[in-house]
PDB file of N, CA and C in Angstrom:
ATOM      1  N   MET A   1     -40.156 -45.912-248.072  1.00  0.00           N
ATOM      2  CA  MET A   1     -40.656 -47.360-246.918  1.00  0.00           C
ATOM      3  C   MET A   1     -41.091 -47.578-245.858  1.00  0.00           C
ATOM      4  N   ALA A   2     -39.858 -46.675-245.404  1.00  0.00           N
ATOM      5  CA  ALA A   2     -39.259 -47.550-243.600  1.00  0.00           C
ATOM      6  C   ALA A   2     -40.686 -46.384-242.380  1.00  0.00           C
ATOM      7  N   ILE A   3     -40.478 -45.836-243.334  1.00  0.00           N
ATOM      8  CA  ILE A   3     -41.327 -44.028-242.707  1.00  0.00           C
ATOM      9  C   ILE A   3     -42.716 -44.878-242.604  1.00  0.00           C
ATOM     10  N   VAL A   4     -43.282 -45.784-243.721  1.00  0.00           N
ATOM     11  CA  VAL A   4     -44.186 -46.082-243.750  1.00  0.00           C
ATOM     12  C   VAL A   4     -44.754 -47.449-242.512  1.00  0.00           C
ATOM     13  N   LEU A   5     -43.753 -48.090-242.775  1.00  0.00           N
ATOM     14  CA  LEU A   5     -44.234 -49.502-242.198  1.00  0.00           C
ATOM     15  C   LEU A   5     -43.701 -48.968-240.540  1.00  0.00           C
ATOM     16  N   GLY A   6     -43.448 -48.152-240.055  1.00  0.00           N
ATOM     17  CA  GLY A   6     -42.859 -47.241-238.528  1.00  0.00           C
ATOM     18  C   GLY A   6     -44.039 -46.818-238.403  1.00  0.00           C
ATOM     19  N   ILE A   7     -44.980 -45.872-239.035  1.00  0.00           N
ATOM     20  CA  ILE A   7     -46.085 -45.933-238.803  1.00  0.00           C
ATOM     21  C   ILE A   7     -46.946 -46.671-238.437  1.00  0.00           C
ATOM     22  N   LEU A   8     -47.068 -48.279-239.320  1.00  0.00           N
ATOM     23  CA  LEU A   8     -47.818 -48.806-239.032  1.00  0.00           C
ATOM     24  C   LEU A   8     -47.832 -50.191-237.685  1.00  0.00           C
ATOM     25  N   ILE A   9     -46.188 -49.819-237.667  1.00  0.00           N
ATOM     26  CA  ILE A   9     -45.929 -50.392-236.610  1.00  0.00           C
ATOM     27  C   ILE A   9     -46.482 -49.342-235.046  1.00  0.00           C
ATOM     28  N   ILE A  10     -45.995 -48.173-234.327  1.00  0.00           N
ATOM     29  CA  ILE A  10     -46.599 -47.305-234.148  1.00  0.00           C
ATOM     30  C   ILE A  10     -48.470 -47.355-233.996  1.00  0.00           C
ATOM     31  N   THR A  11     -48.916 -47.645-235.262  1.00  0.00           N
ATOM     32  CA  THR A  11     -50.502 -48.018-235.446  1.00  0.00           C
ATOM     33  C   THR A  11     -50.996 -48.992-233.879  1.00  0.00           C
ATOM     34  N   LEU A  12     -50.271 -49.935-234.863  1.00  0.00           N
ATOM     35  CA  LEU A  12     -50.378 -50.930-233.599  1.00  0.00           C
ATOM     36  C   LEU A  12     -49.974 -50.877-232.532  1.00  0.00           C
ATOM     37  N   GLY A  13     -48.897 -50.653-231.418  1.00  0.00           N
ATOM     38  CA  GLY A  13     -48.882 -49.960-230.126  1.00  0.00           C
ATOM     39  C   GLY A  13     -49.758 -49.262-229.505  1.00  0.00           C
ATOM     40  N   ILE A  14     -50.094 -48.180-230.105  1.00  0.00           N
ATOM     41  CA  ILE A  14     -50.822 -47.598-230.019  1.00  0.00           C
ATOM     42  C   ILE A  14     -53.064 -48.404-229.545  1.00  0.00           C
ATOM     43  N   PHE A  15     -52.976 -49.434-230.333  1.00  0.00           N
ATOM     44  CA  PHE A  15     -53.843 -50.278-230.934  1.00  0.00           C
ATOM     45  C   PHE A  15     -54.251 -50.934-229.643  1.00  0.00           C
ATOM     46  N   ASN A  16     -52.544 -51.614-229.413  1.00  0.00           N
ATOM     47  CA  ASN A  16     -52.315 -53.006-228.168  1.00  0.00           C
ATOM     48  C   ASN A  16     -52.640 -51.472-226.672  1.00  0.00           C
ATOM     49  N   ILE A  17     -52.483 -50.574-226.778  1.00  0.00           N
ATOM     50  CA  ILE A  17     -52.466 -49.355-226.050  1.00  0.00           C
ATOM     51  C   ILE A  17     -54.053 -49.276-225.073  1.00  0.00           C
ATOM     52  N   ARG A  18     -54.943 -48.570-226.230  1.00  0.00           N
ATOM     53  CA  ARG A  18     -56.242 -48.318-226.225  1.00  0.00           C
ATOM     54  C   ARG A  18     -56.979 -49.149-225.582  1.00  0.00           C
ATOM     55  N   THR A  19     -57.191 -50.528-226.148  1.00  0.00           N
ATOM     56  CA  THR A  19     -57.630 -51.515-225.501  1.00  0.00           C
ATOM     57  C   THR A  19     -57.157 -52.495-225.290  1.00  0.00           C
ATOM     58  N   LYS A  20     -55.464 -51.843-224.569  1.00  0.00           N
ATOM     59  CA  LYS A  20     -55.816 -53.014-223.272  1.00  0.00           C
ATOM     60  C   LYS A  20     -55.371 -54.544-223.046  1.00  0.00           C
ATOM     61  N   ASN A  21     -55.451 -54.886-224.292  1.00  0.00           N
ATOM     62  CA  ASN A  21     -55.466 -56.615-224.961  1.00  0.00           C
ATOM     63  C   ASN A  21     -54.836 -56.522-226.137  1.00  0.00           C
ATOM     64  N   PRO A  22     -54.034 -57.718-225.286  1.00  0.00           N
ATOM     65  CA  PRO A  22     -52.656 -57.977-225.514  1.00  0.00           C
ATOM     66  C   PRO A  22     -52.489 -58.776-227.073  1.00  0.00           C
ATOM     67  N   ILE A  23     -53.374 -59.104-227.802  1.00  0.00           N
ATOM     68  CA  ILE A  23     -53.979 -60.284-228.446  1.00  0.00           C
ATOM     69  C   ILE A  23     -53.315 -59.927-229.813  1.00  0.00           C
ATOM     70  N   LEU A  24     -52.044 -58.602-229.965  1.00  0.00           N
ATOM     71  CA  LEU A  24     -51.173 -58.641-231.196  1.00  0.00           C
ATOM     72  C   LEU A  24     -49.905 -59.846-230.846  1.00  0.00           C
ATOM     73  N   LEU A  25     -49.884 -60.150-229.167  1.00  0.00           N
ATOM     74  CA  LEU A  25     -49.014 -61.213-229.523  1.00  0.00           C
ATOM     75  C   LEU A  25     -49.476 -62.604-229.320  1.00  0.00           C
ATOM     76  N   HIS A  26     -48.366 -63.558-229.351  1.00  0.00           N
ATOM     77  CA  HIS A  26     -48.255 -64.302-230.017  1.00  0.00           C
ATOM     78  C   HIS A  26     -49.008 -65.791-228.481  1.00  0.00           C
ATOM     79  N   THR A  27     -49.727 -66.298-228.399  1.00  0.00           N
ATOM     80  CA  THR A  27     -50.205 -67.195-226.961  1.00  0.00           C
ATOM     81  C   THR A  27     -49.505 -67.617-227.214  1.00  0.00           C
ATOM     82  N   TYR A  28     -48.151 -68.002-226.847  1.00  0.00           N
ATOM     83  CA  TYR A  28     -47.325 -68.669-225.956  1.00  0.00           C
ATOM     84  C   TYR A  28     -46.740 -66.984-225.906  1.00  0.00           C
ATOM     85  N   HIS A  29     -46.919 -65.871-225.938  1.00  0.00           N
ATOM     86  CA  HIS A  29     -45.821 -64.964-225.502  1.00  0.00           C
ATOM     87  C   HIS A  29     -46.700 -64.259-223.934  1.00  0.00           C
ATOM     88  N   ARG A  30     -48.090 -64.869-223.996  1.00  0.00           N
ATOM     89  CA  ARG A  30     -49.258 -64.716-222.923  1.00  0.00           C
ATOM     90  C   ARG A  30     -49.835 -65.951-222.580  1.00  0.00           C
ATOM     91  N   LYS A  31     -50.071 -66.687-222.802  1.00  0.00           N
ATOM     92  CA  LYS A  31     -49.972 -68.077-222.255  1.00  0.00           C
ATOM     93  C   LYS A  31     -50.493 -68.013-219.746  1.00  0.00           C
ATOM     94  N   ASN A  32     -49.481 -67.618-219.397  1.00  0.00           N
ATOM     95  CA  ASN A  32     -49.215 -67.485-218.501  1.00  0.00           C
ATOM     96  C   ASN A  32     -49.912 -66.001-218.003  1.00  0.00           C
ATOM     97  N   THR A  33     -50.613 -65.304-218.570  1.00  0.00           N
ATOM     98  CA  THR A  33     -50.608 -63.579-218.327  1.00  0.00           C
ATOM     99  C   THR A  33     -52.414 -64.420-217.053  1.00  0.00           C
ATOM    100  N   THR A  34     -52.657 -63.680-216.453  1.00  0.00           N
ATOM    101  CA  THR A  34     -53.975 -63.427-215.489  1.00  0.00           C
ATOM    102  C   THR A  34     -54.789 -62.451-216.713  1.00  0.00           C
ATOM    103  N   ALA A  35     -56.693 -62.527-216.969  1.00  0.00           N
ATOM    104  CA  ALA A  35     -56.715 -61.061-217.043  1.00  0.00           C
ATOM    105  C   ALA A  35     -56.127 -60.016-216.585  1.00  0.00           C
ATOM    106  N   ALA A  36     -55.569 -59.717-214.998  1.00  0.00           N
ATOM    107  CA  ALA A  36     -54.825 -58.770-214.702  1.00  0.00           C
ATOM    108  C   ALA A  36     -54.049 -57.913-214.727  1.00  0.00           C
ATOM    109  N   THR A  37     -53.374 -59.043-215.483  1.00  0.00           N
ATOM    110  CA  THR A  37     -51.393 -59.090-215.654  1.00  0.00           C
ATOM    111  C   THR A  37     -52.132 -58.628-217.147  1.00  0.00           C
ATOM    112  N   SER A  38     -52.871 -58.762-217.673  1.00  0.00           N
ATOM    113  CA  SER A  38     -52.900 -59.069-219.080  1.00  0.00           C
ATOM    114  C   SER A  38     -53.476 -57.819-219.775  1.00  0.00           C
ATOM    115  N   GLU A  39     -54.002 -56.427-219.348  1.00  0.00           N
ATOM    116  CA  GLU A  39     -53.433 -55.089-219.686  1.00  0.00           C
ATOM    117  C   GLU A  39     -52.160 -54.792-219.479  1.00  0.00           C
ATOM    118  N   SER A  40     -51.802 -54.552-218.187  1.00  0.00           N
ATOM    119  CA  SER A  40     -50.457 -54.879-218.366  1.00  0.00           C
ATOM    120  C   SER A  40     -50.170 -54.757-219.298  1.00  0.00           C
ATOM    121  N   LEU A  41     -49.229 -55.815-219.134  1.00  0.00           N
ATOM    122  CA  LEU A  41     -49.107 -56.958-220.606  1.00  0.00           C
ATOM    123  C   LEU A  41     -49.013 -55.701-222.222  1.00  0.00           C
ATOM    124  N   ALA A  42     -50.042 -55.881-222.260  1.00  0.00           N
ATOM    125  CA  ALA A  42     -50.534 -54.712-223.332  1.00  0.00           C
ATOM    126  C   ALA A  42     -49.989 -52.958-224.120  1.00  0.00           C
ATOM    127  N   ILE A  43     -50.650 -52.765-222.268  1.00  0.00           N
ATOM    128  CA  ILE A  43     -49.298 -51.247-222.449  1.00  0.00           C
ATOM    129  C   ILE A  43     -48.059 -50.937-222.532  1.00  0.00           C
ATOM    130  N   GLN A  44     -47.777 -52.084-221.715  1.00  0.00           N
ATOM    131  CA  GLN A  44     -46.162 -52.163-222.068  1.00  0.00           C
ATOM    132  C   GLN A  44     -45.756 -52.596-222.889  1.00  0.00           C
ATOM    133  N   SER A  45     -46.187 -53.312-224.171  1.00  0.00           N
ATOM    134  CA  SER A  45     -45.843 -54.772-225.000  1.00  0.00           C
ATOM    135  C   SER A  45     -46.021 -53.037-226.196  1.00  0.00           C
ATOM    136  N   GLY A  46     -47.089 -52.099-225.787  1.00  0.00           N
ATOM    137  CA  GLY A  46     -47.876 -51.669-227.195  1.00  0.00           C
ATOM    138  C   GLY A  46     -46.670 -49.596-227.004  1.00  0.00           C
ATOM    139  N   ILE A  47     -45.221 -49.501-225.662  1.00  0.00           N
ATOM    140  CA  ILE A  47     -45.001 -48.853-225.936  1.00  0.00           C
ATOM    141  C   ILE A  47     -43.629 -49.354-226.650  1.00  0.00           C
ATOM    142  N   GLY A  48     -43.593 -50.976-226.401  1.00  0.00           N
ATOM    143  CA  GLY A  48     -42.707 -51.072-226.939  1.00  0.00           C
ATOM    144  C   GLY A  48     -42.778 -51.663-228.394  1.00  0.00           C
ATOM    145  N   LEU A  49     -43.622 -51.435-229.566  1.00  0.00           N
ATOM    146  CA  LEU A  49     -43.962 -51.049-230.510  1.00  0.00           C
ATOM    147  C   LEU A  49     -43.860 -50.364-231.322  1.00  0.00           C
ATOM    148  N   ILE A  50     -44.209 -49.159-230.237  1.00  0.00           N
ATOM    149  CA  ILE A  50     -44.122 -47.577-230.486  1.00  0.00           C
ATOM    150  C   ILE A  50     -42.669 -47.436-230.433  1.00  0.00           C
ATOM    151  N   LEU A  51     -41.908 -47.987-229.471  1.00  0.00           N
ATOM    152  CA  LEU A  51     -40.890 -47.509-229.526  1.00  0.00           C
ATOM    153  C   LEU A  51     -39.743 -48.116-231.626  1.00  0.00           C
ATOM    154  N   VAL A  52     -40.361 -48.827-231.360  1.00  0.00           N
ATOM    155  CA  VAL A  52     -39.865 -50.076-232.693  1.00  0.00           C
ATOM    156  C   VAL A  52     -40.287 -48.562-233.750  1.00  0.00           C
ATOM    157  N   GLY A  53     -41.478 -48.439-233.510  1.00  0.00           N
ATOM    158  CA  GLY A  53     -42.071 -48.291-234.544  1.00  0.00           C
ATOM    159  C   GLY A  53     -41.288 -46.868-235.308  1.00  0.00           C
ATOM    160  N   VAL A  54     -41.491 -46.006-233.767  1.00  0.00           N
ATOM    161  CA  VAL A  54     -39.975 -44.583-234.016  1.00  0.00           C
ATOM    162  C   VAL A  54     -39.237 -44.878-235.127  1.00  0.00           C
ATOM    163  N   SER A  55     -38.351 -45.894-234.677  1.00  0.00           N
ATOM    164  CA  SER A  55     -37.181 -46.279-234.352  1.00  0.00           C
ATOM    165  C   SER A  55     -36.981 -45.928-235.641  1.00  0.00           C
ATOM    166  N   ALA A  56     -37.943 -46.912-236.522  1.00  0.00           N
ATOM    167  CA  ALA A  56     -38.145 -46.799-238.502  1.00  0.00           C
ATOM    168  C   ALA A  56     -38.378 -45.937-238.435  1.00  0.00           C
ATOM    169  N   VAL A  57     -38.971 -45.041-238.161  1.00  0.00           N
ATOM    170  CA  VAL A  57     -39.622 -43.772-238.869  1.00  0.00           C
ATOM    171  C   VAL A  57     -38.012 -43.124-238.665  1.00  0.00           C
ATOM    172  N   VAL A  58     -37.402 -42.498-238.005  1.00  0.00           N
ATOM    173  CA  VAL A  58     -35.839 -42.158-237.579  1.00  0.00           C
ATOM    174  C   VAL A  58     -35.016 -42.350-238.586  1.00  0.00           C
ATOM    175  N   LEU A  59     -35.369 -43.845-238.728  1.00  0.00           N
ATOM    176  CA  LEU A  59     -34.828 -44.821-239.886  1.00  0.00           C
ATOM    177  C   LEU A  59     -34.829 -44.615-240.969  1.00  0.00           C
ATOM    178  N   GLY A  60     -36.272 -44.582-241.554  1.00  0.00           N
ATOM    179  CA  GLY A  60     -35.808 -43.944-243.104  1.00  0.00           C
ATOM    180  C   GLY A  60     -35.703 -42.493-243.159  1.00  0.00           C
ATOM    181  N   VAL A  61     -35.808 -41.446-241.805  1.00  0.00           N
ATOM    182  CA  VAL A  61     -35.777 -40.118-242.093  1.00  0.00           C
ATOM    183  C   VAL A  61     -34.753 -40.185-242.570  1.00  0.00           C
ATOM    184  N   PHE A  62     -33.178 -39.849-241.741  1.00  0.00           N
ATOM    185  CA  PHE A  62     -32.208 -39.486-241.564  1.00  0.00           C
ATOM    186  C   PHE A  62     -31.162 -40.482-243.336  1.00  0.00           C
ATOM    187  N   HIS A  63     -31.705 -41.502-243.340  1.00  0.00           N
ATOM    188  CA  HIS A  63     -31.768 -42.068-245.235  1.00  0.00           C
ATOM    189  C   HIS A  63     -31.816 -41.534-245.936  1.00  0.00           C
ATOM    190  N   GLY A  64     -33.434 -41.101-245.874  1.00  0.00           N
ATOM    191  CA  GLY A  64     -33.946 -41.008-246.938  1.00  0.00           C
ATOM    192  C   GLY A  64     -33.390 -39.583-247.432  1.00  0.00           C
ATOM    193  N   ILE A  65     -33.183 -38.263-245.913  1.00  0.00           N
ATOM    194  CA  ILE A  65     -32.888 -37.369-246.392  1.00  0.00           C
ATOM    195  C   ILE A  65     -31.908 -36.638-246.122  1.00  0.00           C
ATOM    196  N   TYR A  66     -31.009 -37.500-245.025  1.00  0.00           N
ATOM    197  CA  TYR A  66     -29.833 -36.724-244.809  1.00  0.00           C
ATOM    198  C   TYR A  66     -28.537 -38.236-244.750  1.00  0.00           C
ATOM    199  N   SER A  67     -27.434 -37.323-244.907  1.00  0.00           N
ATOM    200  CA  SER A  67     -26.837 -38.912-244.645  1.00  0.00           C
ATOM    201  C   SER A  67     -25.850 -38.628-243.696  1.00  0.00           C
ATOM    202  N   ASN A  68     -26.358 -39.108-242.929  1.00  0.00           N
ATOM    203  CA  ASN A  68     -25.622 -38.311-241.103  1.00  0.00           C
ATOM    204  C   ASN A  68     -25.890 -39.873-240.527  1.00  0.00           C
ATOM    205  N   GLN A  69     -24.985 -39.871-240.030  1.00  0.00           N
ATOM    206  CA  GLN A  69     -24.672 -41.186-239.354  1.00  0.00           C
ATOM    207  C   GLN A  69     -25.266 -41.711-237.641  1.00  0.00           C
ATOM    208  N   MET A  70     -25.717 -39.919-236.691  1.00  0.00           N
ATOM    209  CA  MET A  70     -25.924 -40.224-235.715  1.00  0.00           C
ATOM    210  C   MET A  70     -27.648 -40.779-235.708  1.00  0.00           C
ATOM    211  N   GLY A  71     -28.168 -40.172-236.704  1.00  0.00           N
ATOM    212  CA  GLY A  71     -29.702 -40.363-236.258  1.00  0.00           C
ATOM    213  C   GLY A  71     -29.199 -41.992-237.288  1.00  0.00           C
ATOM    214  N   ALA A  72     -28.114 -42.503-238.020  1.00  0.00           N
ATOM    215  CA  ALA A  72     -29.312 -44.506-237.468  1.00  0.00           C
ATOM    216  C   ALA A  72     -28.582 -44.566-236.832  1.00  0.00           C
ATOM    217  N   ILE A  73     -27.264 -43.430-235.907  1.00  0.00           N
ATOM    218  CA  ILE A  73     -26.717 -44.465-234.943  1.00  0.00           C
ATOM    219  C   ILE A  73     -28.754 -44.721-233.225  1.00  0.00           C
ATOM    220  N   PHE A  74     -28.954 -43.610-233.716  1.00  0.00           N
ATOM    221  CA  PHE A  74     -29.369 -43.053-232.807  1.00  0.00           C
ATOM    222  C   PHE A  74     -31.164 -44.711-232.895  1.00  0.00           C
ATOM    223  N   GLY A  75     -31.512 -44.579-234.778  1.00  0.00           N
ATOM    224  CA  GLY A  75     -32.244 -44.733-234.661  1.00  0.00           C
ATOM    225  C   GLY A  75     -32.977 -46.876-234.764  1.00  0.00           C
ATOM    226  N   ILE A  76     -31.111 -46.894-234.381  1.00  0.00           N
ATOM    227  CA  ILE A  76     -30.498 -48.400-233.824  1.00  0.00           C
ATOM    228  C   ILE A  76     -30.562 -48.342-232.838  1.00  0.00           C
ATOM    229  N   ILE A  77     -30.459 -47.415-231.672  1.00  0.00           N
ATOM    230  CA  ILE A  77     -30.148 -47.440-230.261  1.00  0.00           C
ATOM    231  C   ILE A  77     -32.172 -47.752-229.669  1.00  0.00           C
ATOM    232  N   LEU A  78     -32.932 -46.749-230.557  1.00  0.00           N
ATOM    233  CA  LEU A  78     -34.322 -46.926-230.122  1.00  0.00           C
ATOM    234  C   LEU A  78     -34.628 -47.916-230.329  1.00  0.00           C
ATOM    235  N   LEU A  79     -34.338 -48.879-231.701  1.00  0.00           N
ATOM    236  CA  LEU A  79     -34.423 -49.967-231.877  1.00  0.00           C
ATOM    237  C   LEU A  79     -34.225 -51.363-231.120  1.00  0.00           C
ATOM    238  N   ILE A  80     -33.455 -51.491-230.224  1.00  0.00           N
ATOM    239  CA  ILE A  80     -32.807 -52.160-229.394  1.00  0.00           C
ATOM    240  C   ILE A  80     -33.455 -52.448-228.368  1.00  0.00           C
ATOM    241  N   LEU A  81     -33.808 -51.221-227.631  1.00  0.00           N
ATOM    242  CA  LEU A  81     -34.721 -50.554-226.871  1.00  0.00           C
ATOM    243  C   LEU A  81     -35.721 -50.923-226.886  1.00  0.00           C
ATOM    244  N   GLY A  82     -36.818 -50.670-227.898  1.00  0.00           N
ATOM    245  CA  GLY A  82     -37.380 -51.456-227.599  1.00  0.00           C
ATOM    246  C   GLY A  82     -37.686 -52.232-228.036  1.00  0.00           C
ATOM    247  N   ILE A  83     -37.150 -53.474-227.822  1.00  0.00           N
ATOM    248  CA  ILE A  83     -36.725 -54.867-228.794  1.00  0.00           C
ATOM    249  C   ILE A  83     -36.614 -55.579-227.257  1.00  0.00           C
ATOM    250  N   VAL A  84     -35.698 -54.335-226.472  1.00  0.00           N
ATOM    251  CA  VAL A  84     -35.961 -55.352-225.211  1.00  0.00           C
ATOM    252  C   VAL A  84     -36.525 -55.145-224.038  1.00  0.00           C
ATOM    253  N   TYR A  85     -37.267 -54.027-224.630  1.00  0.00           N
ATOM    254  CA  TYR A  85     -38.706 -53.343-223.564  1.00  0.00           C
ATOM    255  C   TYR A  85     -39.569 -54.852-223.806  1.00  0.00           C
ATOM    256  N   LEU A  86     -40.058 -54.754-225.758  1.00  0.00           N
ATOM    257  CA  LEU A  86     -40.853 -55.538-225.580  1.00  0.00           C
ATOM    258  C   LEU A  86     -40.729 -57.419-224.370  1.00  0.00           C
ATOM    259  N   CYS A  87     -39.938 -57.721-224.368  1.00  0.00           N
ATOM    260  CA  CYS A  87     -39.037 -58.033-224.378  1.00  0.00           C
ATOM    261  C   CYS A  87     -38.961 -58.837-222.769  1.00  0.00           C
ATOM    262  N   HIS A  88     -38.125 -57.460-221.714  1.00  0.00           N
ATOM    263  CA  HIS A  88     -38.992 -57.255-220.487  1.00  0.00           C
ATOM    264  C   HIS A  88     -40.378 -57.503-220.189  1.00  0.00           C
ATOM    265  N   SER A  89     -41.218 -57.466-220.626  1.00  0.00           N
ATOM    266  CA  SER A  89     -42.577 -56.537-220.845  1.00  0.00           C
ATOM    267  C   SER A  89     -43.047 -58.225-220.704  1.00  0.00           C
ATOM    268  N   ILE A  90     -42.685 -59.175-221.911  1.00  0.00           N
ATOM    269  CA  ILE A  90     -43.036 -60.669-222.209  1.00  0.00           C
ATOM    270  C   ILE A  90     -42.418 -61.487-220.867  1.00  0.00           C
ATOM    271  N   ILE A  91     -41.349 -60.852-220.877  1.00  0.00           N
ATOM    272  CA  ILE A  91     -40.977 -61.968-219.444  1.00  0.00           C
ATOM    273  C   ILE A  91     -41.677 -61.429-217.649  1.00  0.00           C
ATOM    274  N   LYS A  92     -41.409 -60.512-217.666  1.00  0.00           N
ATOM    275  CA  LYS A  92     -42.323 -59.931-216.758  1.00  0.00           C
ATOM    276  C   LYS A  92     -43.256 -60.492-216.215  1.00  0.00           C
ATOM    277  N   TYR A  93     -44.331 -60.026-217.089  1.00  0.00           N
ATOM    278  CA  TYR A  93     -45.618 -61.005-216.877  1.00  0.00           C
ATOM    279  C   TYR A  93     -46.436 -62.269-217.555  1.00  0.00           C
ATOM    280  N   ASN A  94     -45.431 -63.656-218.408  1.00  0.00           N
ATOM    281  CA  ASN A  94     -45.395 -64.340-218.560  1.00  0.00           C
ATOM    282  C   ASN A  94     -44.520 -65.200-218.458  1.00  0.00           C
ATOM    283  N   GLY A  95     -43.619 -64.668-217.355  1.00  0.00           N
ATOM    284  CA  GLY A  95     -42.500 -65.445-216.168  1.00  0.00           C
ATOM    285  C   GLY A  95     -41.012 -66.259-217.573  1.00  0.00           C
ATOM    286  N   LYS A  96     -41.766 -66.094-218.860  1.00  0.00           N
ATOM    287  CA  LYS A  96     -40.569 -66.265-220.039  1.00  0.00           C
ATOM    288  C   LYS A  96     -40.895 -65.762-220.670  1.00  0.00           C
ATOM    289  N   LEU A  97     -40.218 -66.126-222.262  1.00  0.00           N
ATOM    290  CA  LEU A  97     -40.692 -65.533-222.940  1.00  0.00           C
ATOM    291  C   LEU A  97     -41.050 -66.436-224.204  1.00  0.00           C
ATOM    292  N   PHE A  98     -41.314 -67.811-223.838  1.00  0.00           N
ATOM    293  CA  PHE A  98     -42.004 -68.423-224.628  1.00  0.00           C
ATOM    294  C   PHE A  98     -42.381 -69.530-223.675  1.00  0.00           C
ATOM    295  N   SER A  99     -43.505 -69.629-223.728  1.00  0.00           N
ATOM    296  CA  SER A  99     -44.652 -70.500-223.210  1.00  0.00           C
ATOM    297  C   SER A  99     -44.630 -72.092-223.150  1.00  0.00           C
TER     298      SER A  99
END
């Protein structure tokens, strides 16, 4: 199930990058962005979503196939990096996380 969820999240990240439209973010995350910075926000938030999706896939694969803690640690590190990257991109282009 985690693998399917991860693939869905990766697909959403690719959608954000390809359309260059941060429509998937809530309005308070993109309230203070201009049209020029909106594209950059969409690309960077798409990258963050892809990191989160890959972490879900990694966690699903290692939990389902292997009983290896290194895979779980790697998945959790990717998850944290993805969330931090998403928050950083929102703060960078919006000024703050919640407007």
